[in-house]
Amino acid sequence: MNQPVKMAEIMPEDVQIPEGKTFEQWLESRIARYDTRKLDWNALKFQADYDPKYRRAQMRYIGTGATGVAHDDNVVPAEHFTFSTMVLPAGCEGPLHLHTDAEEVFFVLRGRKLRFMVEHQGQRFEALLGERDLISVPPGMYRGLVNEGIEEALMLVIIGSTKPETPTYPEDHPLSKVKRPKN
């Protein structure tokens, strides 16, 4: 396992307010209000177009995450990680996928029966999570989830990279053959 990367210390005297902005303007630009967010059902629409069971939505707050969305002017710029919410309708799933460059954390805000799967070198781990449960998946392991409940689930998703690589799918998964549109 790789050792954690220690971030450089930043002392108060080292903080740089971006040129052309006041202190207040800069900090205001680092706020993402719920009222200005929107659910993006198109970020992973290519998966739902292949099979409706993959339908889910992303609401971005910090950075664009790893869904393939190239740019979003309505987010706080990512400096160390991305932060979004994901809506997963009952019966839907996020397919097994791999991030080679970042840890991914899922925190369940709403939902009772979310089955998370992690696969690594022929081993498979499954856990049923509910509200206020969390799973952290290290880079280099396939992860996926299914909402086995009867209600829509809502999760926080945090990825430990400012611009995560677009994930890949297992070679034998049908989505590995689907051409992904450029967002």
Protein backbone atom coordinates (compact mmCIF):
# COMPACT_ATOMS: atom_id res chain seq x y z
CA MET A 1 0.00 0.00 0.00
CA ASN A 2 1.31 3.45 -0.84
CA GLN A 3 2.17 5.77 2.00
CA PRO A 4 -0.11 8.81 2.33
CA VAL A 5 1.20 11.92 0.65
CA LYS A 6 1.87 14.64 3.21
CA MET A 7 0.64 18.00 2.03
CA ALA A 8 2.96 20.95 2.36
CA GLU A 9 2.32 23.12 5.38
CA ILE A 10 0.73 26.44 4.57
CA MET A 11 1.17 29.07 7.21
CA PRO A 12 -1.09 32.14 7.47
CA GLU A 13 1.60 34.37 5.97
CA ASP A 14 1.79 32.01 2.94
CA VAL A 15 -1.90 32.28 1.98
CA GLN A 16 -2.31 34.16 -1.30
CA ILE A 17 -5.60 35.86 -2.12
CA PRO A 18 -6.11 35.59 -5.89
CA GLU A 19 -5.15 38.70 -7.82
CA GLY A 20 -8.10 40.98 -8.53
CA LYS A 21 -10.21 39.67 -5.65
CA THR A 22 -10.81 41.02 -2.19
CA PHE A 23 -10.68 38.69 0.81
CA GLU A 24 -14.50 38.65 0.90
CA GLN A 25 -14.85 38.01 -2.86
CA TRP A 26 -12.38 35.16 -2.67
CA LEU A 27 -14.14 33.46 0.25
CA GLU A 28 -17.55 34.02 -1.32
CA SER A 29 -16.25 32.21 -4.45
CA ARG A 30 -15.53 29.22 -2.19
CA ILE A 31 -19.20 28.80 -1.21
CA ALA A 32 -21.50 26.45 -3.12
CA ARG A 33 -25.08 27.02 -2.03
CA TYR A 34 -27.68 24.29 -2.42
CA ASP A 35 -30.04 26.78 -4.08
CA THR A 36 -27.56 27.18 -6.96
CA ARG A 37 -26.96 23.43 -7.49
CA LYS A 38 -28.86 21.23 -9.90
CA LEU A 39 -29.08 17.48 -10.29
CA ASP A 40 -27.14 16.41 -13.38
CA TRP A 41 -28.85 13.29 -14.75
CA ASN A 42 -26.76 13.63 -17.93
CA ALA A 43 -23.27 13.18 -16.42
CA LEU A 44 -23.62 9.38 -16.59
CA LYS A 45 -26.52 9.25 -19.07
CA PHE A 46 -24.55 7.06 -21.47
CA GLN A 47 -24.78 4.30 -18.84
CA ALA A 48 -28.54 4.75 -18.34
CA ASP A 49 -29.01 4.80 -22.13
CA TYR A 50 -27.34 1.38 -22.24
CA ASP A 51 -29.49 0.07 -19.35
CA PRO A 52 -31.92 2.11 -17.20
CA LYS A 53 -30.67 0.32 -14.06
CA TYR A 54 -27.59 2.57 -14.23
CA ARG A 55 -29.65 5.78 -13.88
CA ARG A 56 -28.28 8.19 -11.27
CA ALA A 57 -27.59 11.89 -10.85
CA GLN A 58 -24.69 13.97 -9.60
CA MET A 59 -24.86 17.35 -7.86
CA ARG A 60 -21.40 18.95 -7.87
CA TYR A 61 -20.01 21.20 -5.12
CA ILE A 62 -16.19 21.02 -5.32
CA GLY A 63 -14.65 20.09 -8.67
CA THR A 64 -16.33 17.97 -11.33
CA GLY A 65 -15.66 14.53 -9.88
CA ALA A 66 -14.89 11.56 -12.10
CA THR A 67 -18.06 11.34 -14.18
CA GLY A 68 -16.35 12.77 -17.24
CA VAL A 69 -17.83 16.27 -16.91
CA ALA A 70 -14.96 18.40 -18.19
CA HIS A 71 -15.98 21.76 -16.75
CA ASP A 72 -18.59 23.30 -14.47
CA ASP A 73 -18.48 27.05 -13.75
CA ASN A 74 -20.87 26.57 -10.84
CA VAL A 75 -18.50 24.66 -8.51
CA VAL A 76 -15.87 25.62 -6.00
CA PRO A 77 -12.54 24.81 -7.70
CA ALA A 78 -10.98 21.60 -6.39
CA GLU A 79 -7.62 21.98 -4.69
CA HIS A 80 -7.19 18.56 -3.07
CA PHE A 81 -10.36 16.50 -3.64
CA THR A 82 -13.79 16.57 -5.27
CA PHE A 83 -17.09 16.62 -3.40
CA SER A 84 -20.53 15.91 -4.82
CA THR A 85 -23.78 14.23 -3.97
CA MET A 86 -25.27 11.31 -5.86
CA VAL A 87 -28.92 10.37 -6.16
CA LEU A 88 -29.47 6.66 -6.76
CA PRO A 89 -33.09 5.65 -7.44
CA ALA A 90 -34.45 2.46 -5.86
CA GLY A 91 -33.34 -0.60 -7.83
CA CYS A 92 -30.59 1.28 -9.67
CA GLU A 93 -26.88 0.74 -9.45
CA GLY A 94 -23.48 2.27 -10.00
CA PRO A 95 -21.56 -0.37 -11.97
CA LEU A 96 -18.24 -1.81 -10.88
CA HIS A 97 -15.57 0.70 -11.86
CA LEU A 98 -11.95 1.42 -11.09
CA HIS A 99 -10.17 4.58 -9.99
CA THR A 100 -6.42 4.10 -10.24
CA ASP A 101 -5.53 7.60 -9.07
CA ALA A 102 -7.68 8.30 -6.01
CA GLU A 103 -9.47 7.03 -2.95
CA GLU A 104 -13.27 7.30 -3.21
CA VAL A 105 -15.49 7.80 -0.18
CA PHE A 106 -19.26 7.26 -0.07
CA PHE A 107 -21.28 8.59 2.88
CA VAL A 108 -24.96 7.62 2.93
CA LEU A 109 -27.20 10.56 3.81
CA ARG A 110 -30.48 8.85 2.95
CA GLY A 111 -31.16 5.21 2.15
CA ARG A 112 -31.40 1.95 4.04
CA LYS A 113 -30.19 -0.86 1.83
CA LEU A 114 -27.20 0.12 -0.27
CA ARG A 115 -25.05 -2.84 -1.20
CA PHE A 116 -21.43 -1.85 -1.87
CA MET A 117 -19.11 -4.29 -3.65
CA VAL A 118 -15.34 -4.08 -3.77
CA GLU A 119 -13.29 -6.47 -5.91
CA HIS A 120 -9.54 -6.92 -5.88
CA GLN A 121 -7.46 -9.66 -7.50
CA GLY A 122 -10.19 -12.30 -7.44
CA GLN A 123 -11.53 -11.39 -4.01
CA ARG A 124 -14.94 -9.81 -3.48
CA PHE A 125 -16.20 -7.91 -0.45
CA GLU A 126 -19.81 -6.82 0.05
CA ALA A 127 -21.33 -4.59 2.71
CA LEU A 128 -24.88 -3.39 3.22
CA LEU A 129 -24.85 0.26 4.28
CA GLY A 130 -27.57 2.57 5.56
CA GLU A 131 -28.00 6.15 6.67
CA ARG A 132 -24.86 7.77 8.11
CA ASP A 133 -22.68 4.79 7.13
CA LEU A 134 -19.48 5.35 5.17
CA ILE A 135 -17.18 3.28 3.01
CA SER A 136 -13.75 4.37 1.79
CA VAL A 137 -12.36 2.49 -1.21
CA PRO A 138 -8.60 2.77 -1.89
CA PRO A 139 -7.37 3.37 -5.44
CA GLY A 140 -6.74 0.30 -7.57
CA MET A 141 -9.84 -1.65 -6.45
CA TYR A 142 -13.08 -2.06 -8.38
CA ARG A 143 -16.11 -0.66 -6.59
CA GLY A 144 -19.83 -0.59 -7.31
CA LEU A 145 -23.14 -0.25 -5.52
CA VAL A 146 -26.79 -1.21 -5.79
CA ASN A 147 -29.76 0.46 -4.12
CA GLU A 148 -31.70 -2.59 -2.89
CA GLY A 149 -34.11 -0.40 -0.94
CA ILE A 150 -37.54 0.87 -1.95
CA GLU A 151 -36.62 4.55 -1.70
CA GLU A 152 -34.24 6.85 -3.51
CA ALA A 153 -30.79 7.03 -1.87
CA LEU A 154 -28.67 10.15 -1.43
CA MET A 155 -24.92 9.96 -0.84
CA LEU A 156 -21.94 12.24 -0.47
CA VAL A 157 -19.12 11.21 -2.81
CA ILE A 158 -15.60 12.45 -2.16
CA ILE A 159 -12.70 11.58 -4.47
CA GLY A 160 -9.15 12.28 -3.33
CA SER A 161 -7.94 14.05 -6.46
CA THR A 162 -8.57 17.50 -7.91
CA LYS A 163 -9.33 16.06 -11.35
CA PRO A 164 -9.82 12.30 -11.05
CA GLU A 165 -9.18 10.14 -14.08
CA THR A 166 -12.34 8.88 -15.77
CA PRO A 167 -12.93 5.41 -14.30
CA THR A 168 -12.70 2.19 -16.24
CA TYR A 169 -14.89 -0.93 -16.02
CA PRO A 170 -13.89 -4.59 -15.80
CA GLU A 171 -13.07 -5.96 -19.27
CA ASP A 172 -15.99 -8.40 -19.13
CA HIS A 173 -18.52 -5.70 -18.12
CA PRO A 174 -20.83 -4.54 -20.94
CA LEU A 175 -20.12 -0.85 -20.16
CA SER A 176 -16.44 -1.38 -21.01
CA LYS A 177 -17.54 -1.58 -24.66
CA VAL A 178 -19.85 1.46 -24.62
CA LYS A 179 -18.42 4.60 -26.21
CA ARG A 180 -18.46 7.43 -23.70
CA PRO A 181 -19.46 10.86 -25.07
CA LYS A 182 -17.26 13.87 -24.32
CA ASN A 183 -18.92 16.20 -21.78
